[in-house]
Amino acid sequence: MDENNLIDMANRIGDFFESMPDHEEALAGVADHIRRFWEPRMRRMLIAALDEGRAQDMTAFTREAVLSHREQLMPATPAAA
């Protein structure tokens, strides 16, 4: 999946939740939506784009949501056999 498309999709999710009156609930809503409906590969790509400075087009609200719920969004690493 294209990284820019992921950022655009995350921004649209953020736009929806940003209108909620409770800021913390809105941030959690963004993260929960991404965690529940995005496959692990998509979540890894989004976080890597943030970490590596390639997410300049991400809105401040969406960035805050992803970074403040980073651990929740990171897929579990498979246990070594």
PDB file of N, CA and C in Angstrom:
ATOM      1  N   MET A   1       0.842  -1.182   0.000  1.00  0.00           N
ATOM      2  CA  MET A   1       0.000   0.000   0.000  1.00  0.00           C
ATOM      3  C   MET A   1       0.883   1.240   0.000  1.00  0.00           C
ATOM      4  N   ASP A   2       0.443   2.260  -0.667  1.00  0.00           N
ATOM      5  CA  ASP A   2       1.172   3.515  -0.768  1.00  0.00           C
ATOM      6  C   ASP A   2       1.143   4.264   0.567  1.00  0.00           C
ATOM      7  N   GLU A   3       2.306   4.677   1.030  1.00  0.00           N
ATOM      8  CA  GLU A   3       2.437   5.391   2.300  1.00  0.00           C
ATOM      9  C   GLU A   3       1.606   6.676   2.334  1.00  0.00           C
ATOM     10  N   ASN A   4       1.612   7.431   1.243  1.00  0.00           N
ATOM     11  CA  ASN A   4       0.839   8.673   1.190  1.00  0.00           C
ATOM     12  C   ASN A   4      -0.657   8.405   1.301  1.00  0.00           C
ATOM     13  N   ASN A   5      -1.100   7.298   0.737  1.00  0.00           N
ATOM     14  CA  ASN A   5      -2.508   6.913   0.851  1.00  0.00           C
ATOM     15  C   ASN A   5      -2.854   6.582   2.309  1.00  0.00           C
ATOM     16  N   LEU A   6      -1.948   5.906   3.005  1.00  0.00           N
ATOM     17  CA  LEU A   6      -2.180   5.592   4.415  1.00  0.00           C
ATOM     18  C   LEU A   6      -2.307   6.872   5.244  1.00  0.00           C
ATOM     19  N   ILE A   7      -1.434   7.825   4.975  1.00  0.00           N
ATOM     20  CA  ILE A   7      -1.480   9.095   5.702  1.00  0.00           C
ATOM     21  C   ILE A   7      -2.787   9.818   5.412  1.00  0.00           C
ATOM     22  N   ASP A   8      -3.212   9.807   4.164  1.00  0.00           N
ATOM     23  CA  ASP A   8      -4.479  10.442   3.797  1.00  0.00           C
ATOM     24  C   ASP A   8      -5.655   9.756   4.496  1.00  0.00           C
ATOM     25  N   MET A   9      -5.644   8.432   4.517  1.00  0.00           N
ATOM     26  CA  MET A   9      -6.725   7.695   5.196  1.00  0.00           C
ATOM     27  C   MET A   9      -6.720   7.991   6.688  1.00  0.00           C
ATOM     28  N   ALA A  10      -5.544   8.028   7.305  1.00  0.00           N
ATOM     29  CA  ALA A  10      -5.448   8.339   8.732  1.00  0.00           C
ATOM     30  C   ALA A  10      -5.967   9.751   9.002  1.00  0.00           C
ATOM     31  N   ASN A  11      -5.643  10.695   8.134  1.00  0.00           N
ATOM     32  CA  ASN A  11      -6.140  12.065   8.300  1.00  0.00           C
ATOM     33  C   ASN A  11      -7.663  12.125   8.223  1.00  0.00           C
ATOM     34  N   ARG A  12      -8.252  11.352   7.327  1.00  0.00           N
ATOM     35  CA  ARG A  12      -9.718  11.343   7.227  1.00  0.00           C
ATOM     36  C   ARG A  12     -10.355  10.770   8.489  1.00  0.00           C
ATOM     37  N   ILE A  13      -9.733   9.752   9.042  1.00  0.00           N
ATOM     38  CA  ILE A  13     -10.215   9.193  10.309  1.00  0.00           C
ATOM     39  C   ILE A  13     -10.073  10.256  11.395  1.00  0.00           C
ATOM     40  N   GLY A  14      -8.929  10.915  11.424  1.00  0.00           N
ATOM     41  CA  GLY A  14      -8.705  11.973  12.401  1.00  0.00           C
ATOM     42  C   GLY A  14      -9.703  13.106  12.265  1.00  0.00           C
ATOM     43  N   ASP A  15     -10.016  13.488  11.042  1.00  0.00           N
ATOM     44  CA  ASP A  15     -10.989  14.564  10.812  1.00  0.00           C
ATOM     45  C   ASP A  15     -12.344  14.210  11.423  1.00  0.00           C
ATOM     46  N   PHE A  16     -12.733  12.952  11.296  1.00  0.00           N
ATOM     47  CA  PHE A  16     -14.011  12.515  11.843  1.00  0.00           C
ATOM     48  C   PHE A  16     -14.018  12.628  13.374  1.00  0.00           C
ATOM     49  N   PHE A  17     -12.981  12.105  14.013  1.00  0.00           N
ATOM     50  CA  PHE A  17     -12.957  12.060  15.471  1.00  0.00           C
ATOM     51  C   PHE A  17     -12.616  13.403  16.111  1.00  0.00           C
ATOM     52  N   GLU A  18     -11.946  14.266  15.395  1.00  0.00           N
ATOM     53  CA  GLU A  18     -11.503  15.546  15.971  1.00  0.00           C
ATOM     54  C   GLU A  18     -12.672  16.417  16.442  1.00  0.00           C
ATOM     55  N   SER A  19     -13.842  16.222  15.865  1.00  0.00           N
ATOM     56  CA  SER A  19     -14.999  17.035  16.238  1.00  0.00           C
ATOM     57  C   SER A  19     -15.619  16.622  17.577  1.00  0.00           C
ATOM     58  N   MET A  20     -15.156  15.531  18.148  1.00  0.00           N
ATOM     59  CA  MET A  20     -15.703  15.081  19.432  1.00  0.00           C
ATOM     60  C   MET A  20     -15.342  16.085  20.526  1.00  0.00           C
ATOM     61  N   PRO A  21     -16.232  16.311  21.473  1.00  0.00           N
ATOM     62  CA  PRO A  21     -15.957  17.306  22.514  1.00  0.00           C
ATOM     63  C   PRO A  21     -14.833  16.897  23.477  1.00  0.00           C
ATOM     64  N   ASP A  22     -14.664  15.613  23.733  1.00  0.00           N
ATOM     65  CA  ASP A  22     -13.620  15.143  24.647  1.00  0.00           C
ATOM     66  C   ASP A  22     -12.368  14.800  23.833  1.00  0.00           C
ATOM     67  N   HIS A  23     -11.325  15.611  24.013  1.00  0.00           N
ATOM     68  CA  HIS A  23     -10.106  15.471  23.211  1.00  0.00           C
ATOM     69  C   HIS A  23      -9.467  14.093  23.385  1.00  0.00           C
ATOM     70  N   GLU A  24      -9.337  13.642  24.626  1.00  0.00           N
ATOM     71  CA  GLU A  24      -8.699  12.344  24.870  1.00  0.00           C
ATOM     72  C   GLU A  24      -9.513  11.199  24.276  1.00  0.00           C
ATOM     73  N   GLU A  25     -10.819  11.303  24.369  1.00  0.00           N
ATOM     74  CA  GLU A  25     -11.686  10.279  23.787  1.00  0.00           C
ATOM     75  C   GLU A  25     -11.547  10.270  22.264  1.00  0.00           C
ATOM     76  N   ALA A  26     -11.397  11.446  21.687  1.00  0.00           N
ATOM     77  CA  ALA A  26     -11.230  11.552  20.239  1.00  0.00           C
ATOM     78  C   ALA A  26      -9.912  10.922  19.805  1.00  0.00           C
ATOM     79  N   LEU A  27      -8.833  11.200  20.538  1.00  0.00           N
ATOM     80  CA  LEU A  27      -7.533  10.595  20.212  1.00  0.00           C
ATOM     81  C   LEU A  27      -7.615   9.076  20.287  1.00  0.00           C
ATOM     82  N   ALA A  28      -8.246   8.591  21.343  1.00  0.00           N
ATOM     83  CA  ALA A  28      -8.401   7.143  21.505  1.00  0.00           C
ATOM     84  C   ALA A  28      -9.257   6.559  20.390  1.00  0.00           C
ATOM     85  N   GLY A  29     -10.253   7.306  19.932  1.00  0.00           N
ATOM     86  CA  GLY A  29     -11.110   6.838  18.851  1.00  0.00           C
ATOM     87  C   GLY A  29     -10.347   6.629  17.555  1.00  0.00           C
ATOM     88  N   VAL A  30      -9.454   7.555  17.250  1.00  0.00           N
ATOM     89  CA  VAL A  30      -8.618   7.416  16.038  1.00  0.00           C
ATOM     90  C   VAL A  30      -7.778   6.151  16.144  1.00  0.00           C
ATOM     91  N   ALA A  31      -7.086   6.018  17.264  1.00  0.00           N
ATOM     92  CA  ALA A  31      -6.203   4.863  17.442  1.00  0.00           C
ATOM     93  C   ALA A  31      -6.981   3.551  17.430  1.00  0.00           C
ATOM     94  N   ASP A  32      -8.124   3.534  18.082  1.00  0.00           N
ATOM     95  CA  ASP A  32      -8.924   2.314  18.129  1.00  0.00           C
ATOM     96  C   ASP A  32      -9.410   1.924  16.739  1.00  0.00           C
ATOM     97  N   HIS A  33      -9.842   2.913  15.966  1.00  0.00           N
ATOM     98  CA  HIS A  33     -10.307   2.622  14.604  1.00  0.00           C
ATOM     99  C   HIS A  33      -9.167   2.026  13.769  1.00  0.00           C
ATOM    100  N   ILE A  34      -8.001   2.655  13.832  1.00  0.00           N
ATOM    101  CA  ILE A  34      -6.858   2.162  13.053  1.00  0.00           C
ATOM    102  C   ILE A  34      -6.465   0.766  13.527  1.00  0.00           C
ATOM    103  N   ARG A  35      -6.432   0.546  14.832  1.00  0.00           N
ATOM    104  CA  ARG A  35      -6.050  -0.769  15.363  1.00  0.00           C
ATOM    105  C   ARG A  35      -7.032  -1.851  14.933  1.00  0.00           C
ATOM    106  N   ARG A  36      -8.316  -1.531  14.957  1.00  0.00           N
ATOM    107  CA  ARG A  36      -9.333  -2.544  14.667  1.00  0.00           C
ATOM    108  C   ARG A  36      -9.490  -2.850  13.177  1.00  0.00           C
ATOM    109  N   PHE A  37      -9.294  -1.847  12.325  1.00  0.00           N
ATOM    110  CA  PHE A  37      -9.639  -2.026  10.916  1.00  0.00           C
ATOM    111  C   PHE A  37      -8.455  -2.030   9.948  1.00  0.00           C
ATOM    112  N   TRP A  38      -7.275  -1.694  10.424  1.00  0.00           N
ATOM    113  CA  TRP A  38      -6.095  -1.725   9.560  1.00  0.00           C
ATOM    114  C   TRP A  38      -5.285  -2.974   9.864  1.00  0.00           C
ATOM    115  N   GLU A  39      -4.783  -3.595   8.820  1.00  0.00           N
ATOM    116  CA  GLU A  39      -3.947  -4.767   9.035  1.00  0.00           C
ATOM    117  C   GLU A  39      -2.596  -4.334   9.617  1.00  0.00           C
ATOM    118  N   PRO A  40      -1.885  -5.240  10.281  1.00  0.00           N
ATOM    119  CA  PRO A  40      -0.615  -4.886  10.935  1.00  0.00           C
ATOM    120  C   PRO A  40       0.399  -4.214   9.997  1.00  0.00           C
ATOM    121  N   ARG A  41       0.491  -4.683   8.772  1.00  0.00           N
ATOM    122  CA  ARG A  41       1.441  -4.096   7.820  1.00  0.00           C
ATOM    123  C   ARG A  41       1.158  -2.613   7.589  1.00  0.00           C
ATOM    124  N   MET A  42      -0.111  -2.255   7.507  1.00  0.00           N
ATOM    125  CA  MET A  42      -0.494  -0.854   7.293  1.00  0.00           C
ATOM    126  C   MET A  42      -0.111  -0.008   8.507  1.00  0.00           C
ATOM    127  N   ARG A  43      -0.346  -0.543   9.703  1.00  0.00           N
ATOM    128  CA  ARG A  43       0.000   0.190  10.921  1.00  0.00           C
ATOM    129  C   ARG A  43       1.506   0.378  11.040  1.00  0.00           C
ATOM    130  N   ARG A  44       2.271  -0.649  10.710  1.00  0.00           N
ATOM    131  CA  ARG A  44       3.735  -0.535  10.742  1.00  0.00           C
ATOM    132  C   ARG A  44       4.221   0.535   9.761  1.00  0.00           C
ATOM    133  N   MET A  45       3.647   0.561   8.568  1.00  0.00           N
ATOM    134  CA  MET A  45       4.051   1.554   7.562  1.00  0.00           C
ATOM    135  C   MET A  45       3.746   2.969   8.030  1.00  0.00           C
ATOM    136  N   LEU A  46       2.583   3.169   8.632  1.00  0.00           N
ATOM    137  CA  LEU A  46       2.200   4.496   9.112  1.00  0.00           C
ATOM    138  C   LEU A  46       3.155   4.975  10.202  1.00  0.00           C
ATOM    139  N   ILE A  47       3.457   4.127  11.152  1.00  0.00           N
ATOM    140  CA  ILE A  47       4.362   4.500  12.246  1.00  0.00           C
ATOM    141  C   ILE A  47       5.778   4.716  11.730  1.00  0.00           C
ATOM    142  N   ALA A  48       6.218   3.896  10.779  1.00  0.00           N
ATOM    143  CA  ALA A  48       7.542   4.078  10.195  1.00  0.00           C
ATOM    144  C   ALA A  48       7.626   5.423   9.470  1.00  0.00           C
ATOM    145  N   ALA A  49       6.571   5.812   8.787  1.00  0.00           N
ATOM    146  CA  ALA A  49       6.562   7.108   8.097  1.00  0.00           C
ATOM    147  C   ALA A  49       6.716   8.246   9.096  1.00  0.00           C
ATOM    148  N   LEU A  50       6.058   8.138  10.239  1.00  0.00           N
ATOM    149  CA  LEU A  50       6.207   9.153  11.289  1.00  0.00           C
ATOM    150  C   LEU A  50       7.627   9.150  11.838  1.00  0.00           C
ATOM    151  N   ASP A  51       8.127   7.975  12.178  1.00  0.00           N
ATOM    152  CA  ASP A  51       9.457   7.852  12.775  1.00  0.00           C
ATOM    153  C   ASP A  51      10.556   8.370  11.850  1.00  0.00           C
ATOM    154  N   GLU A  52      10.373   8.180  10.561  1.00  0.00           N
ATOM    155  CA  GLU A  52      11.415   8.523   9.595  1.00  0.00           C
ATOM    156  C   GLU A  52      11.177   9.870   8.922  1.00  0.00           C
ATOM    157  N   GLY A  53      10.214  10.642   9.449  1.00  0.00           N
ATOM    158  CA  GLY A  53      10.002  12.002   8.958  1.00  0.00           C
ATOM    159  C   GLY A  53       9.349  12.118   7.598  1.00  0.00           C
ATOM    160  N   ARG A  54       8.627  11.099   7.194  1.00  0.00           N
ATOM    161  CA  ARG A  54       7.982  11.130   5.875  1.00  0.00           C
ATOM    162  C   ARG A  54       6.488  11.412   5.962  1.00  0.00           C
ATOM    163  N   ALA A  55       6.006  11.852   7.119  1.00  0.00           N
ATOM    164  CA  ALA A  55       4.566  12.062   7.295  1.00  0.00           C
ATOM    165  C   ALA A  55       4.254  13.554   7.476  1.00  0.00           C
ATOM    166  N   GLN A  56       4.898  14.401   6.676  1.00  0.00           N
ATOM    167  CA  GLN A  56       4.681  15.839   6.796  1.00  0.00           C
ATOM    168  C   GLN A  56       3.236  16.229   6.537  1.00  0.00           C
ATOM    169  N   ASP A  57       2.520  15.457   5.742  1.00  0.00           N
ATOM    170  CA  ASP A  57       1.135  15.784   5.409  1.00  0.00           C
ATOM    171  C   ASP A  57       0.134  15.315   6.465  1.00  0.00           C
ATOM    172  N   MET A  58       0.608  14.657   7.506  1.00  0.00           N
ATOM    173  CA  MET A  58      -0.302  14.206   8.553  1.00  0.00           C
ATOM    174  C   MET A  58      -0.702  15.407   9.407  1.00  0.00           C
ATOM    175  N   THR A  59      -1.996  15.504   9.695  1.00  0.00           N
ATOM    176  CA  THR A  59      -2.472  16.619  10.498  1.00  0.00           C
ATOM    177  C   THR A  59      -1.935  16.497  11.928  1.00  0.00           C
ATOM    178  N   ALA A  60      -1.886  17.619  12.621  1.00  0.00           N
ATOM    179  CA  ALA A  60      -1.374  17.628  13.996  1.00  0.00           C
ATOM    180  C   ALA A  60      -2.219  16.730  14.899  1.00  0.00           C
ATOM    181  N   PHE A  61      -3.536  16.755  14.717  1.00  0.00           N
ATOM    182  CA  PHE A  61      -4.419  15.934  15.546  1.00  0.00           C
ATOM    183  C   PHE A  61      -4.174  14.445  15.300  1.00  0.00           C
ATOM    184  N   THR A  62      -4.088  14.052  14.049  1.00  0.00           N
ATOM    185  CA  THR A  62      -3.865  12.643  13.721  1.00  0.00           C
ATOM    186  C   THR A  62      -2.500  12.195  14.214  1.00  0.00           C
ATOM    187  N   ARG A  63      -1.498  13.043  14.054  1.00  0.00           N
ATOM    188  CA  ARG A  63      -0.150  12.732  14.558  1.00  0.00           C
ATOM    189  C   ARG A  63      -0.195  12.514  16.072  1.00  0.00           C
ATOM    190  N   GLU A  64      -0.882  13.396  16.790  1.00  0.00           N
ATOM    191  CA  GLU A  64      -0.993  13.263  18.237  1.00  0.00           C
ATOM    192  C   GLU A  64      -1.677  11.943  18.601  1.00  0.00           C
ATOM    193  N   ALA A  65      -2.734  11.597  17.878  1.00  0.00           N
ATOM    194  CA  ALA A  65      -3.459  10.353  18.159  1.00  0.00           C
ATOM    195  C   ALA A  65      -2.562   9.138  17.958  1.00  0.00           C
ATOM    196  N   VAL A  66      -1.847   9.115  16.853  1.00  0.00           N
ATOM    197  CA  VAL A  66      -0.990   7.961  16.553  1.00  0.00           C
ATOM    198  C   VAL A  66       0.163   7.872  17.554  1.00  0.00           C
ATOM    199  N   LEU A  67       0.801   8.994  17.824  1.00  0.00           N
ATOM    200  CA  LEU A  67       1.943   8.961  18.734  1.00  0.00           C
ATOM    201  C   LEU A  67       1.531   8.679  20.174  1.00  0.00           C
ATOM    202  N   SER A  68       0.410   9.209  20.611  1.00  0.00           N
ATOM    203  CA  SER A  68      -0.003   8.988  22.001  1.00  0.00           C
ATOM    204  C   SER A  68      -0.547   7.576  22.236  1.00  0.00           C
ATOM    205  N   HIS A  69      -0.883   6.876  21.165  1.00  0.00           N
ATOM    206  CA  HIS A  69      -1.382   5.499  21.280  1.00  0.00           C
ATOM    207  C   HIS A  69      -0.493   4.528  20.493  1.00  0.00           C
ATOM    208  N   ARG A  70       0.750   4.884  20.359  1.00  0.00           N
ATOM    209  CA  ARG A  70       1.708   4.128  19.557  1.00  0.00           C
ATOM    210  C   ARG A  70       1.783   2.655  19.976  1.00  0.00           C
ATOM    211  N   GLU A  71       1.899   2.403  21.270  1.00  0.00           N
ATOM    212  CA  GLU A  71       2.026   1.011  21.733  1.00  0.00           C
ATOM    213  C   GLU A  71       0.798   0.187  21.374  1.00  0.00           C
ATOM    214  N   GLN A  72      -0.372   0.786  21.469  1.00  0.00           N
ATOM    215  CA  GLN A  72      -1.620   0.104  21.126  1.00  0.00           C
ATOM    216  C   GLN A  72      -1.657  -0.219  19.628  1.00  0.00           C
ATOM    217  N   LEU A  73      -1.048   0.643  18.815  1.00  0.00           N
ATOM    218  CA  LEU A  73      -1.114   0.462  17.362  1.00  0.00           C
ATOM    219  C   LEU A  73      -0.060  -0.485  16.816  1.00  0.00           C
ATOM    220  N   MET A  74       1.027  -0.649  17.544  1.00  0.00           N
ATOM    221  CA  MET A  74       2.085  -1.532  17.055  1.00  0.00           C
ATOM    222  C   MET A  74       1.638  -2.984  17.143  1.00  0.00           C
ATOM    223  N   PRO A  75       1.712  -3.686  16.022  1.00  0.00           N
ATOM    224  CA  PRO A  75       1.328  -5.100  16.043  1.00  0.00           C
ATOM    225  C   PRO A  75       2.290  -5.892  16.929  1.00  0.00           C
ATOM    226  N   ALA A  76       1.762  -6.899  17.565  1.00  0.00           N
ATOM    227  CA  ALA A  76       2.608  -7.764  18.401  1.00  0.00           C
ATOM    228  C   ALA A  76       3.585  -8.506  17.502  1.00  0.00           C
ATOM    229  N   THR A  77       4.789  -8.621  17.980  1.00  0.00           N
ATOM    230  CA  THR A  77       5.783  -9.387  17.216  1.00  0.00           C
ATOM    231  C   THR A  77       5.591 -10.861  17.528  1.00  0.00           C
ATOM    232  N   PRO A  78       5.684 -11.687  16.521  1.00  0.00           N
ATOM    233  CA  PRO A  78       5.489 -13.127  16.742  1.00  0.00           C
ATOM    234  C   PRO A  78       6.569 -13.661  17.691  1.00  0.00           C
ATOM    235  N   ALA A  79       6.182 -14.567  18.552  1.00  0.00           N
ATOM    236  CA  ALA A  79       7.122 -15.188  19.488  1.00  0.00           C
ATOM    237  C   ALA A  79       8.093 -16.090  18.731  1.00  0.00           C
ATOM    238  N   ALA A  80       9.327 -16.090  19.163  1.00  0.00           N
ATOM    239  CA  ALA A  80      10.334 -16.943  18.527  1.00  0.00           C
ATOM    240  C   ALA A  80      10.026 -18.405  18.831  1.00  0.00           C
ATOM    241  N   ALA A  81      10.265 -19.242  17.843  1.00  0.00           N
ATOM    242  CA  ALA A  81       9.960 -20.662  18.008  1.00  0.00           C
ATOM    243  C   ALA A  81      11.076 -21.392  18.704  1.00  0.00           C
TER     244      ALA A  81
END
